[in-house]
Amino acid sequence: MDALFIGQTYIDVTFLADRMPSGDEKTVARDYAVSFGGNAVTAAFCCAKLGVVPDLLTSLADDWLGRMFLDMAAKYAIPIHGRKVHESSLSFVIPNGTKRAIIRCRDDDYLHPFPALNLSGCRALHVDGHQPDAAIHYARTMREAGILTSLDGGTVRSNSLELLEFIDVAICGEDFARQLKIGAEELLDLLKAKGVLIGGVTQGERGMLWYDETGTVRRQPPLAVPTAEIVDTSGAGDVFHGAYMASKLMRPELSWAEHFHFARGASGFKIRRLGNEAGLPTVADVEATILAYPPADAR
């Protein structure tokens, strides 16, 4: 095992429509994509596409969607450690410019305890807060063993604040700060107080506010991708997480500023494509995106 990602599997159905029907109406979408979904799950697929194939501990149902997901994972040679649930989870995603609306159907009633995995050779852990018992267990175990631990803090979950005590790198969303009723700078202070070595808050079109290895707060502006080229921003954050994990594992000698620079290029690739799988970049795709789109002015 090179790395372990822990999350919740979704099957994402993403579609482009000029308007949403209401009442007793029908409409025809302009385009659609069906793909794997879920924060850490999408990050795992991105990491694999970039050249570092992680193991994935995730929800898995014995139904046709679950079997579809296993076929998707097999394509990328990702080892799946399934934690059984009754039925697969679904997301219906409607992109709208730089925004997106999502309807989720989730089964996170796990029928069995999380599995005990052999961590020999494991160099990193990435969690998104789903499966809180497994996330805490493996984050604590790996932090104590000196193995890199990473958190996608999109929203505050049941044990997020406890989990942070075992996290080295935490990149949170603005919703995380809003739920705690604090600002981005205050959230960075909280992450530092919890012992997080590298912390950040993603802020959409304003990029990311983060602190580096020295504790210095910095801003990373987004790439200046023209609005007309943006197709689907859903999954861009997950791709960002998967890309910085891949970069760290492939080139551990680089600084976190360089890992995030690479991850920003991966996100810039994703938002110009519909659906998660189409938005997974290769290393060459990331490099081409970075060359094509300069950083936007930080606001």
C-alpha atoms as a PDB file:
ATOM      1  CA  MET A   1       0.000   0.000   0.000  1.00  0.00           C
ATOM      2  CA  ASP A   2       1.431   3.345  -1.106  1.00  0.00           C
ATOM      3  CA  ALA A   3      -1.326   5.547   0.323  1.00  0.00           C
ATOM      4  CA  LEU A   4      -4.784   5.150   1.870  1.00  0.00           C
ATOM      5  CA  PHE A   5      -7.818   7.300   1.084  1.00  0.00           C
ATOM      6  CA  ILE A   6     -11.012   7.004   3.185  1.00  0.00           C
ATOM      7  CA  GLY A   7     -14.395   8.326   2.069  1.00  0.00           C
ATOM      8  CA  GLN A   8     -17.941   7.761   0.854  1.00  0.00           C
ATOM      9  CA  THR A   9     -18.667   6.529  -2.665  1.00  0.00           C
ATOM     10  CA  TYR A  10     -21.237   8.243  -4.831  1.00  0.00           C
ATOM     11  CA  ILE A  11     -22.247   7.707  -8.395  1.00  0.00           C
ATOM     12  CA  ASP A  12     -22.504  11.202  -9.867  1.00  0.00           C
ATOM     13  CA  VAL A  13     -24.983  12.027 -12.602  1.00  0.00           C
ATOM     14  CA  THR A  14     -24.022  15.448 -13.952  1.00  0.00           C
ATOM     15  CA  PHE A  15     -26.091  17.187 -16.597  1.00  0.00           C
ATOM     16  CA  LEU A  16     -26.250  20.513 -18.387  1.00  0.00           C
ATOM     17  CA  ALA A  17     -29.702  21.986 -18.837  1.00  0.00           C
ATOM     18  CA  ASP A  18     -30.850  25.429 -19.886  1.00  0.00           C
ATOM     19  CA  ARG A  19     -33.447  25.420 -17.129  1.00  0.00           C
ATOM     20  CA  MET A  20     -34.912  23.106 -14.535  1.00  0.00           C
ATOM     21  CA  PRO A  21     -38.467  21.908 -15.173  1.00  0.00           C
ATOM     22  CA  SER A  22     -41.152  22.465 -12.589  1.00  0.00           C
ATOM     23  CA  GLY A  23     -44.647  21.146 -12.098  1.00  0.00           C
ATOM     24  CA  ASP A  24     -45.703  18.715 -14.811  1.00  0.00           C
ATOM     25  CA  GLU A  25     -42.926  19.632 -17.269  1.00  0.00           C
ATOM     26  CA  LYS A  26     -40.180  17.822 -19.130  1.00  0.00           C
ATOM     27  CA  THR A  27     -36.952  19.128 -20.600  1.00  0.00           C
ATOM     28  CA  VAL A  28     -33.978  17.723 -22.495  1.00  0.00           C
ATOM     29  CA  ALA A  29     -30.453  18.185 -21.159  1.00  0.00           C
ATOM     30  CA  ARG A  30     -27.740  19.464 -23.494  1.00  0.00           C
ATOM     31  CA  ASP A  31     -25.155  16.993 -22.196  1.00  0.00           C
ATOM     32  CA  TYR A  32     -24.536  14.622 -19.301  1.00  0.00           C
ATOM     33  CA  ALA A  33     -21.860  12.494 -17.627  1.00  0.00           C
ATOM     34  CA  VAL A  34     -22.012   9.523 -15.261  1.00  0.00           C
ATOM     35  CA  SER A  35     -18.987   8.999 -13.055  1.00  0.00           C
ATOM     36  CA  PHE A  36     -17.649   8.083  -9.625  1.00  0.00           C
ATOM     37  CA  GLY A  37     -18.160  10.743  -6.959  1.00  0.00           C
ATOM     38  CA  GLY A  38     -17.430  11.590  -3.342  1.00  0.00           C
ATOM     39  CA  ASN A  39     -14.677  13.823  -1.991  1.00  0.00           C
ATOM     40  CA  ALA A  40     -11.915  11.404  -1.033  1.00  0.00           C
ATOM     41  CA  VAL A  41     -13.056   8.933  -3.692  1.00  0.00           C
ATOM     42  CA  THR A  42     -12.616  11.427  -6.526  1.00  0.00           C
ATOM     43  CA  ALA A  43      -9.308  12.516  -4.998  1.00  0.00           C
ATOM     44  CA  ALA A  44      -8.160   8.882  -5.022  1.00  0.00           C
ATOM     45  CA  PHE A  45      -9.010   8.487  -8.712  1.00  0.00           C
ATOM     46  CA  CYS A  46      -7.167  11.726  -9.483  1.00  0.00           C
ATOM     47  CA  CYS A  47      -4.100  10.569  -7.561  1.00  0.00           C
ATOM     48  CA  ALA A  48      -4.162   7.288  -9.487  1.00  0.00           C
ATOM     49  CA  LYS A  49      -4.487   9.047 -12.865  1.00  0.00           C
ATOM     50  CA  LEU A  50      -1.445  11.169 -11.974  1.00  0.00           C
ATOM     51  CA  GLY A  51       0.664   8.073 -11.287  1.00  0.00           C
ATOM     52  CA  VAL A  52       0.297   7.182  -7.591  1.00  0.00           C
ATOM     53  CA  VAL A  53      -2.361   4.511  -7.054  1.00  0.00           C
ATOM     54  CA  PRO A  54      -3.783   4.590  -3.504  1.00  0.00           C
ATOM     55  CA  ASP A  55      -5.894   2.027  -1.688  1.00  0.00           C
ATOM     56  CA  LEU A  56      -9.451   3.205  -1.065  1.00  0.00           C
ATOM     57  CA  LEU A  57     -11.556   2.391   2.005  1.00  0.00           C
ATOM     58  CA  THR A  58     -15.083   3.359   1.060  1.00  0.00           C
ATOM     59  CA  SER A  59     -18.769   2.497   1.239  1.00  0.00           C
ATOM     60  CA  LEU A  60     -19.860  -0.299  -1.075  1.00  0.00           C
ATOM     61  CA  ALA A  61     -23.284  -1.789  -1.752  1.00  0.00           C
ATOM     62  CA  ASP A  62     -24.071  -5.110  -3.398  1.00  0.00           C
ATOM     63  CA  ASP A  63     -26.191  -3.585  -6.145  1.00  0.00           C
ATOM     64  CA  TRP A  64     -25.723  -2.668  -9.791  1.00  0.00           C
ATOM     65  CA  LEU A  65     -24.339   0.780  -8.954  1.00  0.00           C
ATOM     66  CA  GLY A  66     -21.836  -0.809  -6.594  1.00  0.00           C
ATOM     67  CA  ARG A  67     -20.735  -3.162  -9.341  1.00  0.00           C
ATOM     68  CA  MET A  68     -20.455  -0.224 -11.726  1.00  0.00           C
ATOM     69  CA  PHE A  69     -18.193   1.518  -9.226  1.00  0.00           C
ATOM     70  CA  LEU A  70     -15.956  -1.549  -8.909  1.00  0.00           C
ATOM     71  CA  ASP A  71     -15.590  -1.571 -12.699  1.00  0.00           C
ATOM     72  CA  MET A  72     -14.560   2.101 -12.563  1.00  0.00           C
ATOM     73  CA  ALA A  73     -11.970   1.402  -9.862  1.00  0.00           C
ATOM     74  CA  ALA A  74     -10.591  -1.601 -11.772  1.00  0.00           C
ATOM     75  CA  LYS A  75      -9.899   0.658 -14.766  1.00  0.00           C
ATOM     76  CA  TYR A  76      -7.469   2.628 -12.573  1.00  0.00           C
ATOM     77  CA  ALA A  77      -6.195  -0.456 -10.680  1.00  0.00           C
ATOM     78  CA  ILE A  78      -7.351   1.050  -7.363  1.00  0.00           C
ATOM     79  CA  PRO A  79      -7.609  -1.575  -4.576  1.00  0.00           C
ATOM     80  CA  ILE A  80     -11.036  -1.204  -2.939  1.00  0.00           C
ATOM     81  CA  HIS A  81     -11.663  -2.040   0.710  1.00  0.00           C
ATOM     82  CA  GLY A  82     -15.439  -1.946   0.723  1.00  0.00           C
ATOM     83  CA  ARG A  83     -17.421  -1.185   3.853  1.00  0.00           C
ATOM     84  CA  LYS A  84     -20.861  -2.604   3.282  1.00  0.00           C
ATOM     85  CA  VAL A  85     -24.025  -0.509   3.098  1.00  0.00           C
ATOM     86  CA  HIS A  86     -27.505  -1.514   1.897  1.00  0.00           C
ATOM     87  CA  GLU A  87     -27.599   0.663  -1.209  1.00  0.00           C
ATOM     88  CA  SER A  88     -25.292   2.849  -3.254  1.00  0.00           C
ATOM     89  CA  SER A  89     -25.276   6.611  -2.864  1.00  0.00           C
ATOM     90  CA  LEU A  90     -26.168   8.958  -5.721  1.00  0.00           C
ATOM     91  CA  SER A  91     -25.495  12.605  -6.534  1.00  0.00           C
ATOM     92  CA  PHE A  92     -27.384  14.613  -9.139  1.00  0.00           C
ATOM     93  CA  VAL A  93     -25.194  17.559 -10.128  1.00  0.00           C
ATOM     94  CA  ILE A  94     -26.385  20.596 -12.092  1.00  0.00           C
ATOM     95  CA  PRO A  95     -23.516  22.941 -13.090  1.00  0.00           C
ATOM     96  CA  ASN A  96     -24.340  26.628 -13.483  1.00  0.00           C
ATOM     97  CA  GLY A  97     -21.334  28.691 -14.536  1.00  0.00           C
ATOM     98  CA  THR A  98     -18.905  28.867 -11.611  1.00  0.00           C
ATOM     99  CA  LYS A  99     -21.513  27.349  -9.268  1.00  0.00           C
ATOM    100  CA  ARG A 100     -23.241  23.990  -9.055  1.00  0.00           C
ATOM    101  CA  ALA A 101     -26.306  22.573  -7.368  1.00  0.00           C
ATOM    102  CA  ILE A 102     -26.278  19.040  -5.959  1.00  0.00           C
ATOM    103  CA  ILE A 103     -28.993  16.666  -4.778  1.00  0.00           C
ATOM    104  CA  ARG A 104     -27.591  13.728  -2.796  1.00  0.00           C
ATOM    105  CA  CYS A 105     -29.066  10.368  -1.857  1.00  0.00           C
ATOM    106  CA  ARG A 106     -26.754   8.838   0.750  1.00  0.00           C
ATOM    107  CA  ASP A 107     -26.601   5.580   2.659  1.00  0.00           C
ATOM    108  CA  ASP A 108     -23.919   5.840   5.338  1.00  0.00           C
ATOM    109  CA  ASP A 109     -25.410   3.263   7.673  1.00  0.00           C
ATOM    110  CA  TYR A 110     -22.396   0.943   7.689  1.00  0.00           C
ATOM    111  CA  LEU A 111     -23.342  -2.653   8.358  1.00  0.00           C
ATOM    112  CA  HIS A 112     -19.941  -3.744   9.704  1.00  0.00           C
ATOM    113  CA  PRO A 113     -16.995  -2.189  11.564  1.00  0.00           C
ATOM    114  CA  PHE A 114     -14.234  -0.725   9.444  1.00  0.00           C
ATOM    115  CA  PRO A 115     -11.608  -3.279   8.390  1.00  0.00           C
ATOM    116  CA  ALA A 116      -8.128  -3.573   9.891  1.00  0.00           C
ATOM    117  CA  LEU A 117      -5.714  -2.942   7.026  1.00  0.00           C
ATOM    118  CA  ASN A 118      -2.046  -3.788   6.631  1.00  0.00           C
ATOM    119  CA  LEU A 119      -0.319  -0.403   6.413  1.00  0.00           C
ATOM    120  CA  SER A 120       3.116  -1.729   5.448  1.00  0.00           C
ATOM    121  CA  GLY A 121       4.769   0.705   3.068  1.00  0.00           C
ATOM    122  CA  CYS A 122       1.996   3.301   3.404  1.00  0.00           C
ATOM    123  CA  ARG A 123       3.310   6.845   3.011  1.00  0.00           C
ATOM    124  CA  ALA A 124       0.183   8.965   3.326  1.00  0.00           C
ATOM    125  CA  LEU A 125      -3.462   9.110   4.400  1.00  0.00           C
ATOM    126  CA  HIS A 126      -6.207  11.311   2.979  1.00  0.00           C
ATOM    127  CA  VAL A 127      -9.650  11.532   4.586  1.00  0.00           C
ATOM    128  CA  ASP A 128     -12.735  13.680   4.064  1.00  0.00           C
ATOM    129  CA  GLY A 129     -14.437  13.042   7.418  1.00  0.00           C
ATOM    130  CA  HIS A 130     -16.822  10.354   6.178  1.00  0.00           C
ATOM    131  CA  GLN A 131     -16.588   7.087   8.114  1.00  0.00           C
ATOM    132  CA  PRO A 132     -15.605   9.105  11.207  1.00  0.00           C
ATOM    133  CA  ASP A 133     -14.598   6.050  13.233  1.00  0.00           C
ATOM    134  CA  ALA A 134     -12.243   4.795  10.523  1.00  0.00           C
ATOM    135  CA  ALA A 135     -10.924   8.300   9.825  1.00  0.00           C
ATOM    136  CA  ILE A 136     -10.008   8.879  13.486  1.00  0.00           C
ATOM    137  CA  HIS A 137      -8.457   5.428  13.885  1.00  0.00           C
ATOM    138  CA  TYR A 138      -6.226   5.599  10.838  1.00  0.00           C
ATOM    139  CA  ALA A 139      -5.357   9.287  11.280  1.00  0.00           C
ATOM    140  CA  ARG A 140      -4.240   8.645  14.859  1.00  0.00           C
ATOM    141  CA  THR A 141      -2.335   5.496  13.894  1.00  0.00           C
ATOM    142  CA  MET A 142      -0.518   7.139  11.002  1.00  0.00           C
ATOM    143  CA  ARG A 143       0.204  10.413  12.770  1.00  0.00           C
ATOM    144  CA  GLU A 144       1.825   8.449  15.596  1.00  0.00           C
ATOM    145  CA  ALA A 145       3.852   6.493  13.028  1.00  0.00           C
ATOM    146  CA  GLY A 146       5.084   9.682  11.352  1.00  0.00           C
ATOM    147  CA  ILE A 147       3.054   9.080   8.175  1.00  0.00           C
ATOM    148  CA  LEU A 148       1.606  12.125   6.396  1.00  0.00           C
ATOM    149  CA  THR A 149      -2.089  12.720   7.115  1.00  0.00           C
ATOM    150  CA  SER A 150      -4.345  14.980   5.037  1.00  0.00           C
ATOM    151  CA  LEU A 151      -7.917  16.227   5.473  1.00  0.00           C
ATOM    152  CA  ASP A 152     -10.418  17.570   2.981  1.00  0.00           C
ATOM    153  CA  GLY A 153     -12.403  19.766   5.362  1.00  0.00           C
ATOM    154  CA  GLY A 154     -15.282  20.663   3.092  1.00  0.00           C
ATOM    155  CA  THR A 155     -17.799  20.833   5.913  1.00  0.00           C
ATOM    156  CA  VAL A 156     -17.799  20.294   9.670  1.00  0.00           C
ATOM    157  CA  ARG A 157     -18.671  16.683  10.467  1.00  0.00           C
ATOM    158  CA  SER A 158     -19.412  14.944  13.764  1.00  0.00           C
ATOM    159  CA  ASN A 159     -15.795  14.607  14.871  1.00  0.00           C
ATOM    160  CA  SER A 160     -13.971  17.123  12.662  1.00  0.00           C
ATOM    161  CA  LEU A 161     -12.428  19.057  15.539  1.00  0.00           C
ATOM    162  CA  GLU A 162     -11.151  15.868  17.164  1.00  0.00           C
ATOM    163  CA  LEU A 163      -9.868  14.592  13.831  1.00  0.00           C
ATOM    164  CA  LEU A 164      -7.834  17.761  13.269  1.00  0.00           C
ATOM    165  CA  GLU A 165      -5.590  16.809  16.185  1.00  0.00           C
ATOM    166  CA  PHE A 166      -4.163  13.991  14.034  1.00  0.00           C
ATOM    167  CA  ILE A 167      -3.870  15.880  10.730  1.00  0.00           C
ATOM    168  CA  ASP A 168      -0.727  17.300   9.119  1.00  0.00           C
ATOM    169  CA  VAL A 169      -2.337  19.018   6.124  1.00  0.00           C
ATOM    170  CA  ALA A 170      -5.894  20.379   6.292  1.00  0.00           C
ATOM    171  CA  ILE A 171      -7.447  22.232   3.383  1.00  0.00           C
ATOM    172  CA  CYS A 172     -10.933  23.377   4.347  1.00  0.00           C
ATOM    173  CA  GLY A 173     -13.759  25.055   2.492  1.00  0.00           C
ATOM    174  CA  GLU A 174     -15.442  28.320   3.379  1.00  0.00           C
ATOM    175  CA  ASP A 175     -18.457  26.331   4.569  1.00  0.00           C
ATOM    176  CA  PHE A 176     -16.252  24.843   7.302  1.00  0.00           C
ATOM    177  CA  ALA A 177     -15.557  28.343   8.622  1.00  0.00           C
ATOM    178  CA  ARG A 178     -19.185  29.437   8.259  1.00  0.00           C
ATOM    179  CA  GLN A 179     -20.443  26.446  10.218  1.00  0.00           C
ATOM    180  CA  LEU A 180     -18.057  27.345  13.033  1.00  0.00           C
ATOM    181  CA  LYS A 181     -19.178  30.995  12.716  1.00  0.00           C
ATOM    182  CA  ILE A 182     -15.648  32.259  12.215  1.00  0.00           C
ATOM    183  CA  GLY A 183     -13.721  33.899   9.385  1.00  0.00           C
ATOM    184  CA  ALA A 184     -11.037  32.368   7.188  1.00  0.00           C
ATOM    185  CA  GLU A 185      -8.180  33.888   9.182  1.00  0.00           C
ATOM    186  CA  GLU A 186      -9.689  32.621  12.427  1.00  0.00           C
ATOM    187  CA  LEU A 187      -9.999  29.149  10.918  1.00  0.00           C
ATOM    188  CA  LEU A 188      -6.291  29.207  10.067  1.00  0.00           C
ATOM    189  CA  ASP A 189      -5.567  30.111  13.685  1.00  0.00           C
ATOM    190  CA  LEU A 190      -7.735  27.195  14.802  1.00  0.00           C
ATOM    191  CA  LEU A 191      -5.863  24.796  12.522  1.00  0.00           C
ATOM    192  CA  LYS A 192      -2.536  25.989  13.913  1.00  0.00           C
ATOM    193  CA  ALA A 193      -3.818  25.539  17.462  1.00  0.00           C
ATOM    194  CA  LYS A 194      -4.821  21.964  16.636  1.00  0.00           C
ATOM    195  CA  GLY A 195      -1.279  21.198  15.490  1.00  0.00           C
ATOM    196  CA  VAL A 196      -1.991  21.155  11.746  1.00  0.00           C
ATOM    197  CA  LEU A 197       1.331  21.798  10.009  1.00  0.00           C
ATOM    198  CA  ILE A 198      -0.084  23.104   6.701  1.00  0.00           C
ATOM    199  CA  GLY A 199      -3.551  24.665   6.687  1.00  0.00           C
ATOM    200  CA  GLY A 200      -5.705  26.401   4.130  1.00  0.00           C
ATOM    201  CA  VAL A 201      -9.173  27.712   3.306  1.00  0.00           C
ATOM    202  CA  THR A 202     -10.386  27.574  -0.288  1.00  0.00           C
ATOM    203  CA  GLN A 203     -12.408  30.635  -1.281  1.00  0.00           C
ATOM    204  CA  GLY A 204     -13.678  29.940  -4.784  1.00  0.00           C
ATOM    205  CA  GLU A 205     -12.869  32.739  -7.195  1.00  0.00           C
ATOM    206  CA  ARG A 206     -10.507  34.300  -4.609  1.00  0.00           C
ATOM    207  CA  GLY A 207      -8.297  31.235  -4.560  1.00  0.00           C
ATOM    208  CA  MET A 208      -6.894  29.834  -1.322  1.00  0.00           C
ATOM    209  CA  LEU A 209      -5.707  31.473   1.886  1.00  0.00           C
ATOM    210  CA  TRP A 210      -3.157  29.227   3.570  1.00  0.00           C
ATOM    211  CA  TYR A 211      -0.114  29.065   5.803  1.00  0.00           C
ATOM    212  CA  ASP A 212       3.148  27.382   4.877  1.00  0.00           C
ATOM    213  CA  GLU A 213       5.751  25.340   6.745  1.00  0.00           C
ATOM    214  CA  THR A 214       6.879  28.434   8.673  1.00  0.00           C
ATOM    215  CA  GLY A 215       3.329  29.424   9.661  1.00  0.00           C
ATOM    216  CA  THR A 216       3.365  32.383   7.257  1.00  0.00           C
ATOM    217  CA  VAL A 217      -0.080  33.146   5.805  1.00  0.00           C
ATOM    218  CA  ARG A 218      -0.143  33.387   2.016  1.00  0.00           C
ATOM    219  CA  ARG A 219      -2.735  33.677  -0.730  1.00  0.00           C
ATOM    220  CA  GLN A 220      -2.760  31.458  -3.788  1.00  0.00           C
ATOM    221  CA  PRO A 221      -4.915  33.059  -6.504  1.00  0.00           C
ATOM    222  CA  PRO A 222      -6.780  30.771  -8.909  1.00  0.00           C
ATOM    223  CA  LEU A 223      -5.780  30.371 -12.535  1.00  0.00           C
ATOM    224  CA  ALA A 224      -7.379  32.900 -14.873  1.00  0.00           C
ATOM    225  CA  VAL A 225      -9.581  30.442 -16.734  1.00  0.00           C
ATOM    226  CA  PRO A 226     -12.111  32.486 -18.758  1.00  0.00           C
ATOM    227  CA  THR A 227     -15.669  32.135 -17.503  1.00  0.00           C
ATOM    228  CA  ALA A 228     -16.765  31.081 -20.988  1.00  0.00           C
ATOM    229  CA  GLU A 229     -14.514  28.005 -20.744  1.00  0.00           C
ATOM    230  CA  ILE A 230     -15.825  26.850 -17.347  1.00  0.00           C
ATOM    231  CA  VAL A 231     -18.113  23.842 -17.782  1.00  0.00           C
ATOM    232  CA  ASP A 232     -18.354  22.097 -14.413  1.00  0.00           C
ATOM    233  CA  THR A 233     -16.752  23.199 -11.141  1.00  0.00           C
ATOM    234  CA  SER A 234     -18.082  20.182  -9.220  1.00  0.00           C
ATOM    235  CA  GLY A 235     -15.195  17.942  -8.178  1.00  0.00           C
ATOM    236  CA  ALA A 236     -12.554  20.628  -8.731  1.00  0.00           C
ATOM    237  CA  GLY A 237     -11.728  20.699  -5.027  1.00  0.00           C
ATOM    238  CA  ASP A 238     -11.482  16.915  -4.894  1.00  0.00           C
ATOM    239  CA  VAL A 239      -9.099  16.972  -7.858  1.00  0.00           C
ATOM    240  CA  PHE A 240      -7.069  19.645  -6.032  1.00  0.00           C
ATOM    241  CA  HIS A 241      -6.683  17.329  -3.020  1.00  0.00           C
ATOM    242  CA  GLY A 242      -5.806  14.307  -5.138  1.00  0.00           C
ATOM    243  CA  ALA A 243      -3.247  16.320  -7.091  1.00  0.00           C
ATOM    244  CA  TYR A 244      -1.380  17.738  -4.108  1.00  0.00           C
ATOM    245  CA  MET A 245      -1.263  14.262  -2.584  1.00  0.00           C
ATOM    246  CA  ALA A 246       0.138  12.838  -5.818  1.00  0.00           C
ATOM    247  CA  SER A 247       2.652  15.676  -6.072  1.00  0.00           C
ATOM    248  CA  LYS A 248       3.825  15.169  -2.488  1.00  0.00           C
ATOM    249  CA  LEU A 249       4.230  11.415  -2.990  1.00  0.00           C
ATOM    250  CA  MET A 250       5.990  11.762  -6.345  1.00  0.00           C
ATOM    251  CA  ARG A 251       8.232  14.700  -5.391  1.00  0.00           C
ATOM    252  CA  PRO A 252       8.545  14.854  -1.600  1.00  0.00           C
ATOM    253  CA  GLU A 253      11.487  17.238  -1.805  1.00  0.00           C
ATOM    254  CA  LEU A 254       9.319  20.101  -3.108  1.00  0.00           C
ATOM    255  CA  SER A 255       7.701  22.736  -0.912  1.00  0.00           C
ATOM    256  CA  TRP A 256       3.984  22.805  -0.223  1.00  0.00           C
ATOM    257  CA  ALA A 257       3.739  25.978  -2.300  1.00  0.00           C
ATOM    258  CA  GLU A 258       4.944  23.906  -5.272  1.00  0.00           C
ATOM    259  CA  HIS A 259       2.552  21.042  -4.492  1.00  0.00           C
ATOM    260  CA  PHE A 260      -0.373  23.482  -4.348  1.00  0.00           C
ATOM    261  CA  HIS A 261       0.822  25.152  -7.571  1.00  0.00           C
ATOM    262  CA  PHE A 262       0.583  21.753  -9.268  1.00  0.00           C
ATOM    263  CA  ALA A 263      -2.822  21.055  -7.684  1.00  0.00           C
ATOM    264  CA  ARG A 264      -4.158  24.403  -8.882  1.00  0.00           C
ATOM    265  CA  GLY A 265      -3.272  23.398 -12.431  1.00  0.00           C
ATOM    266  CA  ALA A 266      -5.153  20.123 -11.963  1.00  0.00           C
ATOM    267  CA  SER A 267      -8.262  22.003 -10.802  1.00  0.00           C
ATOM    268  CA  GLY A 268      -7.963  24.358 -13.755  1.00  0.00           C
ATOM    269  CA  PHE A 269      -8.070  21.329 -16.046  1.00  0.00           C
ATOM    270  CA  LYS A 270     -11.096  19.847 -14.267  1.00  0.00           C
ATOM    271  CA  ILE A 271     -13.412  22.850 -14.443  1.00  0.00           C
ATOM    272  CA  ARG A 272     -13.264  22.864 -18.235  1.00  0.00           C
ATOM    273  CA  ARG A 273     -14.738  19.356 -18.492  1.00  0.00           C
ATOM    274  CA  LEU A 274     -18.075  17.784 -17.634  1.00  0.00           C
ATOM    275  CA  GLY A 275     -18.058  15.116 -14.916  1.00  0.00           C
ATOM    276  CA  ASN A 276     -15.365  13.818 -12.613  1.00  0.00           C
ATOM    277  CA  GLU A 277     -13.758  11.207 -14.832  1.00  0.00           C
ATOM    278  CA  ALA A 278     -13.407  13.503 -17.848  1.00  0.00           C
ATOM    279  CA  GLY A 279     -11.839  16.067 -15.511  1.00  0.00           C
ATOM    280  CA  LEU A 280      -9.023  13.835 -14.259  1.00  0.00           C
ATOM    281  CA  PRO A 281      -5.732  15.180 -15.653  1.00  0.00           C
ATOM    282  CA  THR A 282      -2.459  13.523 -16.501  1.00  0.00           C
ATOM    283  CA  VAL A 283       0.780  15.209 -15.411  1.00  0.00           C
ATOM    284  CA  ALA A 284       1.129  16.556 -18.953  1.00  0.00           C
ATOM    285  CA  ASP A 285      -2.407  17.988 -18.764  1.00  0.00           C
ATOM    286  CA  VAL A 286      -1.559  19.784 -15.531  1.00  0.00           C
ATOM    287  CA  GLU A 287       1.633  21.240 -16.963  1.00  0.00           C
ATOM    288  CA  ALA A 288      -0.170  22.411 -20.116  1.00  0.00           C
ATOM    289  CA  THR A 289      -2.930  24.046 -18.072  1.00  0.00           C
ATOM    290  CA  ILE A 290      -0.409  25.921 -15.918  1.00  0.00           C
ATOM    291  CA  LEU A 291       1.292  27.240 -19.060  1.00  0.00           C
ATOM    292  CA  ALA A 292      -1.976  28.214 -20.733  1.00  0.00           C
ATOM    293  CA  TYR A 293      -3.587  30.118 -17.858  1.00  0.00           C
ATOM    294  CA  PRO A 294      -1.672  32.589 -15.667  1.00  0.00           C
ATOM    295  CA  PRO A 295      -2.753  33.180 -12.059  1.00  0.00           C
ATOM    296  CA  ALA A 296      -5.617  35.615 -11.657  1.00  0.00           C
ATOM    297  CA  ASP A 297      -5.118  38.748  -9.612  1.00  0.00           C
ATOM    298  CA  ALA A 298      -5.862  37.992  -5.954  1.00  0.00           C
ATOM    299  CA  ARG A 299      -8.830  39.978  -4.680  1.00  0.00           C
END
